Amino acid sequence: MVGSIISQLRESLQSTDEWIGLTKEDLHNMIKSSDKKRHQIDKKIRALYGHSLPQRIFKEAKQSPETLFHGIARNNIYFLHLLFNII
């Protein structure tokens, strides 16, 4: 799966003249050599930090709740109605 994600990212970037020579090794090297260590390639390419949290986020698998709430700005509520026919 990692190979396909990395391939998709590489192919997408290569569609522009600026990144046409980009290789899979370039992506690995970019992430490994980054001073800030913000990303990781493991089973997925993922960010290691949240937007407002200075420390690394550690997650553990849990069962999803029966009801899940998601915050949304008031000016975007109308789009929920359009997309999901709710409200």
C-alpha atoms as a PDB file:
ATOM      1  CA  MET A   1       0.000   0.000   0.000  1.00  0.00           C
ATOM      2  CA  VAL A   2       2.824   2.410   0.831  1.00  0.00           C
ATOM      3  CA  GLY A   3       4.253   1.927  -2.629  1.00  0.00           C
ATOM      4  CA  SER A   4       0.993   2.871  -4.282  1.00  0.00           C
ATOM      5  CA  ILE A   5       0.523   5.980  -2.108  1.00  0.00           C
ATOM      6  CA  ILE A   6       4.070   7.091  -2.761  1.00  0.00           C
ATOM      7  CA  SER A   7       3.668   6.348  -6.468  1.00  0.00           C
ATOM      8  CA  GLN A   8       0.457   8.381  -6.606  1.00  0.00           C
ATOM      9  CA  LEU A   9       2.121  11.317  -4.857  1.00  0.00           C
ATOM     10  CA  ARG A  10       5.177  11.108  -7.094  1.00  0.00           C
ATOM     11  CA  GLU A  11       3.082  10.868 -10.276  1.00  0.00           C
ATOM     12  CA  SER A  12       0.978  13.829  -9.192  1.00  0.00           C
ATOM     13  CA  LEU A  13       4.047  15.941  -8.499  1.00  0.00           C
ATOM     14  CA  GLN A  14       5.710  14.823 -11.732  1.00  0.00           C
ATOM     15  CA  SER A  15       2.788  16.212 -13.705  1.00  0.00           C
ATOM     16  CA  THR A  16       4.349  19.666 -13.210  1.00  0.00           C
ATOM     17  CA  ASP A  17       7.576  20.755 -14.895  1.00  0.00           C
ATOM     18  CA  GLU A  18       9.139  21.676 -11.544  1.00  0.00           C
ATOM     19  CA  TRP A  19       8.933  18.106 -10.156  1.00  0.00           C
ATOM     20  CA  ILE A  20       9.220  16.003 -13.331  1.00  0.00           C
ATOM     21  CA  GLY A  21      12.454  14.274 -12.187  1.00  0.00           C
ATOM     22  CA  LEU A  22      11.183  13.394  -8.701  1.00  0.00           C
ATOM     23  CA  THR A  23      11.829   9.797  -7.613  1.00  0.00           C
ATOM     24  CA  LYS A  24      10.476   7.634  -4.796  1.00  0.00           C
ATOM     25  CA  GLU A  25      13.916   7.843  -3.175  1.00  0.00           C
ATOM     26  CA  ASP A  26      13.691  11.661  -3.302  1.00  0.00           C
ATOM     27  CA  LEU A  27      10.494  11.518  -1.243  1.00  0.00           C
ATOM     28  CA  HIS A  28      12.054   9.178   1.323  1.00  0.00           C
ATOM     29  CA  ASN A  29      15.188  11.332   1.530  1.00  0.00           C
ATOM     30  CA  MET A  30      13.166  14.525   1.870  1.00  0.00           C
ATOM     31  CA  ILE A  31      11.247  13.142   4.841  1.00  0.00           C
ATOM     32  CA  LYS A  32      14.297  11.535   6.484  1.00  0.00           C
ATOM     33  CA  SER A  33      16.528  14.607   6.111  1.00  0.00           C
ATOM     34  CA  SER A  34      13.968  17.188   7.222  1.00  0.00           C
ATOM     35  CA  ASP A  35      15.186  19.205  10.213  1.00  0.00           C
ATOM     36  CA  LYS A  36      11.707  19.459  11.705  1.00  0.00           C
ATOM     37  CA  LYS A  37      10.778  15.745  11.358  1.00  0.00           C
ATOM     38  CA  ARG A  38       7.119  16.540  10.680  1.00  0.00           C
ATOM     39  CA  HIS A  39       6.300  13.492   8.528  1.00  0.00           C
ATOM     40  CA  GLN A  40       6.805   9.749   8.530  1.00  0.00           C
ATOM     41  CA  ILE A  41       6.617   7.084   5.832  1.00  0.00           C
ATOM     42  CA  ASP A  42       5.587   3.831   7.418  1.00  0.00           C
ATOM     43  CA  LYS A  43       2.412   2.092   6.344  1.00  0.00           C
ATOM     44  CA  LYS A  44       1.202   5.571   5.368  1.00  0.00           C
ATOM     45  CA  ILE A  45       2.679   8.980   4.691  1.00  0.00           C
ATOM     46  CA  ARG A  46       1.530  10.966   7.681  1.00  0.00           C
ATOM     47  CA  ALA A  47       2.132  14.054   9.758  1.00  0.00           C
ATOM     48  CA  LEU A  48       3.587  13.422  13.205  1.00  0.00           C
ATOM     49  CA  TYR A  49       2.316  16.630  14.807  1.00  0.00           C
ATOM     50  CA  GLY A  50      -0.987  18.456  15.037  1.00  0.00           C
ATOM     51  CA  HIS A  51      -1.374  22.013  13.828  1.00  0.00           C
ATOM     52  CA  SER A  52      -1.369  23.520  17.307  1.00  0.00           C
ATOM     53  CA  LEU A  53       0.368  20.854  19.376  1.00  0.00           C
ATOM     54  CA  PRO A  54       4.136  21.142  19.869  1.00  0.00           C
ATOM     55  CA  GLN A  55       4.599  17.482  20.834  1.00  0.00           C
ATOM     56  CA  ARG A  56       4.276  14.267  18.870  1.00  0.00           C
ATOM     57  CA  ILE A  57       0.785  12.741  18.792  1.00  0.00           C
ATOM     58  CA  PHE A  58       0.505   9.139  19.999  1.00  0.00           C
ATOM     59  CA  LYS A  59      -2.664   7.318  19.003  1.00  0.00           C
ATOM     60  CA  GLU A  60      -4.162   4.051  20.106  1.00  0.00           C
ATOM     61  CA  ALA A  61      -6.846   2.100  18.292  1.00  0.00           C
ATOM     62  CA  LYS A  62     -10.305   2.358  19.847  1.00  0.00           C
ATOM     63  CA  GLN A  63     -13.856   1.408  18.975  1.00  0.00           C
ATOM     64  CA  SER A  64     -15.760   4.269  17.334  1.00  0.00           C
ATOM     65  CA  PRO A  65     -18.650   5.664  19.383  1.00  0.00           C
ATOM     66  CA  GLU A  66     -22.208   4.958  18.266  1.00  0.00           C
ATOM     67  CA  THR A  67     -22.758   8.695  17.709  1.00  0.00           C
ATOM     68  CA  LEU A  68     -19.896  10.811  16.447  1.00  0.00           C
ATOM     69  CA  PHE A  69     -20.014  14.617  16.466  1.00  0.00           C
ATOM     70  CA  HIS A  70     -18.041  16.896  14.174  1.00  0.00           C
ATOM     71  CA  GLY A  71     -17.616  20.630  14.623  1.00  0.00           C
ATOM     72  CA  ILE A  72     -18.421  22.856  11.666  1.00  0.00           C
ATOM     73  CA  ALA A  73     -18.479  26.607  11.181  1.00  0.00           C
ATOM     74  CA  ARG A  74     -21.994  28.058  11.059  1.00  0.00           C
ATOM     75  CA  ASN A  75     -21.464  29.481   7.583  1.00  0.00           C
ATOM     76  CA  ASN A  76     -20.803  25.933   6.253  1.00  0.00           C
ATOM     77  CA  ILE A  77     -23.886  24.230   7.730  1.00  0.00           C
ATOM     78  CA  TYR A  78     -25.836  24.854   4.527  1.00  0.00           C
ATOM     79  CA  PHE A  79     -23.356  22.653   2.626  1.00  0.00           C
ATOM     80  CA  LEU A  80     -24.122  19.716   4.923  1.00  0.00           C
ATOM     81  CA  HIS A  81     -27.736  20.035   3.911  1.00  0.00           C
ATOM     82  CA  LEU A  82     -26.788  20.049   0.233  1.00  0.00           C
ATOM     83  CA  LEU A  83     -24.383  17.117   0.511  1.00  0.00           C
ATOM     84  CA  PHE A  84     -26.232  14.835   2.891  1.00  0.00           C
ATOM     85  CA  ASN A  85     -29.819  16.141   2.850  1.00  0.00           C
ATOM     86  CA  ILE A  86     -29.771  16.757   6.607  1.00  0.00           C
ATOM     87  CA  ILE A  87     -30.871  19.616   8.866  1.00  0.00           C
END
